[in-house]
Amino acid sequence: MTEKIAVLGAGSWGSMLANILAQNGNDVRLWSYKPAQVAELNNDHTNSKYLKDFTFSDSLVAYSDMKAAMDGVDDVLFVVPAQVTRSVAKKADAIIAELGIKPNLIHASKGIEEKTYKRMSEVLAEEIAPAHRRSISVLSGPSQAEDVARGDITLVTVASEDMQVAEHIQSLFMNDHFRVYTNDDVIGVEIGAALKNIIALGAGALVGLGYGDNAKASLITRGLAEISRLGTSFGANPLTFIGLSGVGDLIVTATSSDSRNWRAGNQLGKGQTLEDVVNNMGMVIEGVATTRAAYELAKQRGVEMPITSAIYHVLYDHADIKASISKLMQREGRSELN
């Protein structure tokens, strides 16, 4: 069944998801606020800033006018940075009301909103009126856009409180190299997706400092324990964190040089300042803002997250990375299962 789908956000992941949907035979409209990027996508079928040497489907059409992109659509997929999701959703709500449509909402953004500590499905629910939407779902998992562009096998999860909706979204994305599973644990999927970026910063920093595989494996494992601890405090299913949107996404993001969070941490480990790293990256580093949100949220809820706390102090208090690692190692002994 062909559907009309608007994808809001033309970064590496947004444009790649739009391409998958177009390849699967859907009528896909990709929105970007950058006219030059829209022209490149439509004329050359490339998105060179984000995905070099990849040619997009001829059937994929880009728009700089959000209203034109959303006209008559069945589904709207948000793939914009977490900290701008609210402003984009607010604009989309006004357009939905004007167009008289009622689409399924999906998001593939991985972060927590600063100050409010809201997950992205909560932001969408607050900004897009119930009368203007049929459902809200989240798509997440171990999915570097660069690997998808190379045709690598990729498995992800779509989560919704309504399993019929999840199965519908699943059917839109499934093909020979992109497999989608369903889940009803929206909280767990979103928290896993957001917090793995924090641990990826730490993993990159370890490599930048010259540490080896033992250190990386230890950080990833104990980082997953922190993610699960915070997620279950909100009622998430613990099993979600050993699934695709939990340990799966954590492994790829904390080990791949294609991960901008890993690259940012790696540069910090080599002695660059956070300001220089952010300026040089040219793309949003979701883990930086999410670290602050998760640190403050953990304090608010009384959840112990020593790795997150250490990374927060490195990012925002200019703490020395090696001293922070030493402090973590010298913590009082405890049971692994607590």
Protein backbone atom coordinates (compact mmCIF):
# COMPACT_ATOMS: atom_id res chain seq x y z
CA MET A 1 0.00 0.00 0.00
CA THR A 2 1.45 3.35 -1.08
CA GLU A 3 1.25 6.20 1.42
CA LYS A 4 1.96 9.90 1.19
CA ILE A 5 4.62 10.76 3.77
CA ALA A 6 6.28 14.02 4.81
CA VAL A 7 9.76 13.73 6.33
CA LEU A 8 10.72 16.84 8.28
CA GLY A 9 14.48 17.13 8.52
CA ALA A 10 17.01 16.46 5.76
CA GLY A 11 20.15 15.61 7.73
CA SER A 12 21.92 12.30 7.21
CA TRP A 13 19.32 10.17 9.01
CA GLY A 14 16.24 12.07 7.87
CA SER A 15 17.24 11.97 4.22
CA MET A 16 18.19 8.29 4.44
CA LEU A 17 14.87 7.33 6.04
CA ALA A 18 13.09 9.34 3.35
CA ASN A 19 15.03 7.42 0.72
CA ILE A 20 14.04 4.06 2.24
CA LEU A 21 10.38 5.06 2.22
CA ALA A 22 10.66 6.25 -1.40
CA GLN A 23 12.42 3.04 -2.47
CA ASN A 24 9.55 1.11 -0.90
CA GLY A 25 7.14 2.82 -3.31
CA ASN A 26 5.73 5.59 -1.12
CA ASP A 27 5.10 9.19 -2.16
CA VAL A 28 7.72 10.90 -0.01
CA ARG A 29 8.24 14.63 0.52
CA LEU A 30 11.46 15.61 2.30
CA TRP A 31 11.43 19.04 3.95
CA SER A 32 14.48 21.18 4.67
CA TYR A 33 14.67 24.83 5.71
CA LYS A 34 17.73 25.23 3.46
CA PRO A 35 16.79 26.13 -0.16
CA ALA A 36 20.24 25.20 -1.48
CA GLN A 37 19.98 21.73 0.03
CA VAL A 38 16.50 21.29 -1.47
CA ALA A 39 17.80 22.31 -4.89
CA GLU A 40 20.69 19.85 -4.65
CA LEU A 41 18.39 17.00 -3.64
CA ASN A 42 15.96 17.69 -6.48
CA ASN A 43 18.47 18.49 -9.22
CA ASP A 44 21.40 16.20 -8.41
CA HIS A 45 19.73 13.66 -6.08
CA THR A 46 22.59 14.14 -3.61
CA ASN A 47 22.96 15.50 -0.07
CA SER A 48 26.70 16.07 -0.11
CA LYS A 49 27.10 17.77 3.28
CA TYR A 50 25.71 14.76 5.09
CA LEU A 51 26.16 11.71 2.82
CA LYS A 52 28.95 12.00 0.30
CA ASP A 53 28.86 9.84 -2.84
CA PHE A 54 25.30 8.62 -2.26
CA THR A 55 22.61 9.03 -4.91
CA PHE A 56 19.03 9.32 -3.70
CA SER A 57 15.95 7.85 -5.36
CA ASP A 58 14.65 9.86 -8.32
CA SER A 59 11.16 9.62 -6.83
CA LEU A 60 12.16 11.47 -3.66
CA VAL A 61 11.12 15.14 -3.83
CA ALA A 62 12.47 17.81 -1.50
CA TYR A 63 10.62 20.94 -0.37
CA SER A 64 11.58 24.13 1.42
CA ASP A 65 7.88 24.91 2.00
CA MET A 66 6.64 22.78 4.92
CA LYS A 67 2.99 23.28 4.02
CA ALA A 68 3.54 22.03 0.47
CA ALA A 69 5.46 19.04 1.80
CA MET A 70 2.65 18.12 4.21
CA ASP A 71 -0.31 18.66 1.88
CA GLY A 72 -2.51 15.54 1.91
CA VAL A 73 -0.05 13.31 3.76
CA ASP A 74 -0.94 10.18 5.72
CA ASP A 75 2.15 10.25 7.93
CA VAL A 76 4.63 12.85 9.20
CA LEU A 77 8.12 11.71 10.22
CA PHE A 78 10.12 14.13 12.40
CA VAL A 79 13.90 13.74 12.12
CA VAL A 80 15.17 17.05 13.46
CA PRO A 81 17.52 17.71 16.40
CA ALA A 82 15.87 17.13 19.76
CA GLN A 83 16.28 20.72 20.89
CA VAL A 84 14.33 22.09 17.88
CA THR A 85 11.63 19.39 17.78
CA ARG A 86 9.22 21.57 19.76
CA SER A 87 9.46 24.56 17.41
CA VAL A 88 9.10 22.35 14.32
CA ALA A 89 6.13 20.53 15.87
CA LYS A 90 4.45 23.81 16.74
CA LYS A 91 4.73 24.93 13.11
CA ALA A 92 3.53 21.54 11.88
CA ASP A 93 0.46 21.70 14.14
CA ALA A 94 -0.64 24.99 12.58
CA ILE A 95 -0.15 23.55 9.10
CA ILE A 96 -2.06 20.37 9.94
CA ALA A 97 -4.97 22.45 11.18
CA GLU A 98 -4.92 24.58 8.03
CA LEU A 99 -4.73 21.57 5.71
CA GLY A 100 -7.40 19.59 7.56
CA ILE A 101 -5.36 16.38 7.73
CA LYS A 102 -4.90 13.94 10.60
CA PRO A 103 -1.64 12.04 10.08
CA ASN A 104 0.24 9.42 12.02
CA LEU A 105 3.21 11.09 13.72
CA ILE A 106 6.56 9.28 13.87
CA HIS A 107 9.85 10.57 15.17
CA ALA A 108 13.41 9.31 14.85
CA SER A 109 15.12 11.99 16.94
CA LYS A 110 17.41 10.83 19.76
CA GLY A 111 17.54 13.21 22.68
CA ILE A 112 15.85 14.71 25.74
CA GLU A 113 14.69 18.31 25.73
CA GLU A 114 16.74 20.56 27.98
CA LYS A 115 15.02 22.22 30.97
CA THR A 116 11.73 20.33 30.50
CA TYR A 117 13.41 16.86 30.42
CA LYS A 118 10.71 15.76 27.99
CA ARG A 119 11.05 12.82 25.63
CA MET A 120 10.30 13.60 21.98
CA SER A 121 6.95 11.80 21.96
CA GLU A 122 5.93 13.98 24.91
CA VAL A 123 6.99 17.11 23.03
CA LEU A 124 4.95 16.06 19.99
CA ALA A 125 1.95 15.28 22.21
CA GLU A 126 2.15 18.71 23.82
CA GLU A 127 2.54 20.69 20.60
CA ILE A 128 0.30 18.80 18.17
CA ALA A 129 -3.31 18.68 19.30
CA PRO A 130 -5.00 15.27 19.66
CA ALA A 131 -7.53 16.32 17.01
CA HIS A 132 -4.63 16.87 14.58
CA ARG A 133 -3.00 13.41 14.87
CA ARG A 134 -3.92 9.76 14.69
CA SER A 135 -0.99 8.36 16.66
CA ILE A 136 2.58 8.94 17.86
CA SER A 137 5.39 6.42 17.31
CA VAL A 138 9.16 6.36 17.66
CA LEU A 139 11.66 4.67 15.32
CA SER A 140 15.04 3.80 16.83
CA GLY A 141 17.88 1.30 16.81
CA PRO A 142 21.49 0.73 15.71
CA SER A 143 21.33 2.68 12.49
CA GLN A 144 24.23 4.73 11.18
CA ALA A 145 23.00 6.46 8.02
CA GLU A 146 26.35 5.82 6.33
CA ASP A 147 25.95 2.05 6.73
CA VAL A 148 22.39 2.15 5.38
CA ALA A 149 23.70 4.11 2.39
CA ARG A 150 26.19 1.29 1.74
CA GLY A 151 23.34 -1.22 1.73
CA ASP A 152 24.37 -2.76 5.05
CA ILE A 153 21.83 -4.91 6.90
CA THR A 154 20.07 -2.72 9.48
CA LEU A 155 17.54 -3.66 12.17
CA VAL A 156 15.53 -1.12 14.14
CA THR A 157 12.46 -0.91 16.40
CA VAL A 158 9.24 1.05 16.07
CA ALA A 159 7.48 1.70 19.36
CA SER A 160 3.90 2.79 19.92
CA GLU A 161 1.33 2.35 22.65
CA ASP A 162 -0.97 1.02 19.89
CA MET A 163 0.50 -2.16 18.37
CA GLN A 164 -1.67 -1.90 15.25
CA VAL A 165 -0.05 1.46 14.58
CA ALA A 166 3.41 0.02 15.24
CA GLU A 167 2.74 -2.78 12.77
CA HIS A 168 1.54 -0.27 10.18
CA ILE A 169 4.70 1.84 10.53
CA GLN A 170 6.74 -1.37 10.42
CA SER A 171 5.24 -2.22 7.03
CA LEU A 172 6.16 1.19 5.58
CA PHE A 173 9.89 0.75 6.26
CA MET A 174 10.53 -2.98 5.83
CA ASN A 175 12.63 -4.18 2.88
CA ASP A 176 15.45 -6.62 2.09
CA HIS A 177 18.14 -4.67 3.97
CA PHE A 178 16.07 -2.69 6.51
CA ARG A 179 14.17 -4.81 9.03
CA VAL A 180 11.82 -3.34 11.64
CA TYR A 181 10.60 -4.90 14.88
CA THR A 182 7.72 -3.62 17.02
CA ASN A 183 7.63 -2.67 20.69
CA ASP A 184 5.03 -1.10 22.99
CA ASP A 185 7.60 0.43 25.37
CA VAL A 186 7.83 4.01 24.08
CA ILE A 187 9.55 5.23 27.26
CA GLY A 188 12.31 2.64 27.15
CA VAL A 189 12.98 3.06 23.43
CA GLU A 190 13.24 6.84 23.71
CA ILE A 191 15.43 6.83 26.82
CA GLY A 192 17.77 4.23 25.34
CA ALA A 193 18.02 6.23 22.12
CA ALA A 194 18.81 9.46 23.91
CA LEU A 195 21.20 8.35 26.62
CA LYS A 196 23.41 6.14 24.45
CA ASN A 197 24.80 9.36 22.97
CA ILE A 198 26.21 10.29 26.38
CA ILE A 199 28.07 6.99 26.65
CA ALA A 200 29.31 7.39 23.06
CA LEU A 201 30.95 10.68 24.06
CA GLY A 202 32.74 8.84 26.85
CA ALA A 203 33.77 5.96 24.59
CA GLY A 204 35.24 8.33 22.03
CA ALA A 205 37.14 10.14 24.77
CA LEU A 206 38.67 6.86 25.99
CA VAL A 207 39.99 6.13 22.50
CA GLY A 208 41.29 9.68 22.19
CA LEU A 209 43.18 9.19 25.44
CA GLY A 210 44.69 5.93 24.21
CA TYR A 211 42.72 3.41 26.27
CA GLY A 212 41.99 -0.01 24.79
CA ASP A 213 39.17 -2.47 24.30
CA ASN A 214 38.83 -3.45 27.96
CA ALA A 215 38.08 0.14 28.92
CA LYS A 216 35.59 0.60 26.08
CA ALA A 217 33.73 -2.61 26.90
CA SER A 218 33.58 -1.66 30.57
CA LEU A 219 32.25 1.80 29.82
CA ILE A 220 29.57 0.48 27.47
CA THR A 221 28.44 -2.16 29.97
CA ARG A 222 28.27 0.13 32.97
CA GLY A 223 26.79 2.86 30.79
CA LEU A 224 23.98 0.51 29.84
CA ALA A 225 23.35 -0.12 33.55
CA GLU A 226 22.90 3.64 34.06
CA ILE A 227 20.57 3.95 31.09
CA SER A 228 18.44 1.07 32.35
CA ARG A 229 18.41 2.48 35.89
CA LEU A 230 17.02 5.82 34.76
CA GLY A 231 14.60 4.27 32.26
CA THR A 232 13.07 1.82 34.71
CA SER A 233 12.55 4.65 37.20
CA PHE A 234 10.02 5.97 34.67
CA GLY A 235 8.38 2.56 34.23
CA ALA A 236 10.27 1.35 31.16
CA ASN A 237 10.53 -2.38 30.53
CA PRO A 238 14.06 -3.55 31.52
CA LEU A 239 14.11 -5.92 28.53
CA THR A 240 13.95 -2.96 26.15
CA PHE A 241 17.49 -2.00 27.17
CA ILE A 242 18.93 -5.32 25.97
CA GLY A 243 17.14 -4.88 22.63
CA LEU A 244 17.87 -2.99 19.44
CA SER A 245 17.07 0.47 20.80
CA GLY A 246 19.12 -0.22 23.94
CA VAL A 247 22.33 -2.22 23.76
CA GLY A 248 22.14 -2.43 19.96
CA ASP A 249 22.14 1.31 19.44
CA LEU A 250 24.64 1.78 22.24
CA ILE A 251 27.16 -0.58 20.66
CA VAL A 252 27.14 1.05 17.24
CA THR A 253 27.15 4.61 18.55
CA ALA A 254 29.91 3.98 21.09
CA THR A 255 32.21 2.11 18.69
CA SER A 256 31.76 3.65 15.23
CA SER A 257 33.80 6.53 13.86
CA ASP A 258 30.71 7.42 11.80
CA SER A 259 29.02 8.44 15.07
CA ARG A 260 29.34 12.18 15.56
CA ASN A 261 29.02 11.68 19.34
CA TRP A 262 31.94 9.24 19.30
CA ARG A 263 33.95 11.62 17.12
CA ALA A 264 33.19 14.52 19.46
CA GLY A 265 34.33 12.51 22.48
CA ASN A 266 37.44 11.39 20.61
CA GLN A 267 38.40 15.01 19.94
CA LEU A 268 37.81 15.90 23.59
CA GLY A 269 40.05 13.02 24.61
CA LYS A 270 42.77 14.40 22.36
CA GLY A 271 42.63 17.72 24.17
CA GLN A 272 40.31 19.90 22.13
CA THR A 273 37.84 22.18 23.89
CA LEU A 274 34.12 21.55 23.73
CA GLU A 275 33.64 24.86 21.92
CA ASP A 276 36.12 23.87 19.20
CA VAL A 277 34.59 20.40 18.86
CA VAL A 278 31.08 21.81 18.42
CA ASN A 279 32.26 24.43 15.92
CA ASN A 280 34.27 21.92 13.89
CA MET A 281 31.62 19.20 13.75
CA GLY A 282 29.23 21.08 11.46
CA MET A 283 26.33 18.93 12.68
CA VAL A 284 24.38 18.71 15.93
CA ILE A 285 26.04 16.60 18.64
CA GLU A 286 22.93 15.36 20.45
CA GLY A 287 24.86 13.91 23.38
CA VAL A 288 26.09 17.30 24.59
CA ALA A 289 22.64 18.70 25.40
CA THR A 290 21.34 15.30 26.48
CA THR A 291 24.15 14.96 29.03
CA ARG A 292 22.95 18.08 30.81
CA ALA A 293 19.31 16.97 30.69
CA ALA A 294 20.08 13.45 31.93
CA TYR A 295 22.39 14.72 34.70
CA GLU A 296 19.76 17.12 36.02
CA LEU A 297 16.98 14.56 35.62
CA ALA A 298 18.95 11.91 37.53
CA LYS A 299 19.54 14.33 40.40
CA GLN A 300 15.86 15.21 40.43
CA ARG A 301 14.80 11.56 40.59
CA GLY A 302 17.58 10.37 42.91
CA VAL A 303 19.01 7.95 40.33
CA GLU A 304 22.73 7.20 40.58
CA MET A 305 24.52 7.79 37.25
CA PRO A 306 28.24 8.22 37.95
CA ILE A 307 29.42 7.98 34.31
CA THR A 308 26.86 10.51 33.14
CA SER A 309 27.82 12.77 36.04
CA ALA A 310 31.52 12.54 35.17
CA ILE A 311 30.86 13.38 31.50
CA TYR A 312 28.65 16.29 32.55
CA HIS A 313 31.44 17.78 34.67
CA VAL A 314 33.93 17.37 31.81
CA LEU A 315 31.59 19.11 29.36
CA TYR A 316 30.21 21.87 31.55
CA ASP A 317 32.66 22.35 34.42
CA HIS A 318 35.89 21.79 32.44
CA ALA A 319 36.85 18.85 34.66
CA ASP A 320 40.01 17.04 33.62
CA ILE A 321 39.10 13.82 31.77
CA LYS A 322 41.89 11.69 33.21
CA ALA A 323 41.13 12.87 36.75
CA SER A 324 37.44 12.09 36.17
CA ILE A 325 38.30 8.55 35.06
CA SER A 326 40.50 8.08 38.11
CA LYS A 327 37.68 9.26 40.36
CA LEU A 328 35.29 6.74 38.78
CA MET A 329 37.79 3.92 39.27
CA GLN A 330 38.32 4.81 42.93
CA ARG A 331 34.64 4.72 43.85
CA GLU A 332 33.75 2.43 46.75
CA GLY A 333 33.31 -1.22 45.78
CA ARG A 334 29.77 -2.46 45.22
CA SER A 335 27.72 -5.33 43.77
CA GLU A 336 27.43 -5.34 40.00
CA LEU A 337 23.72 -6.11 40.19
CA ASN A 338 22.72 -3.11 42.31
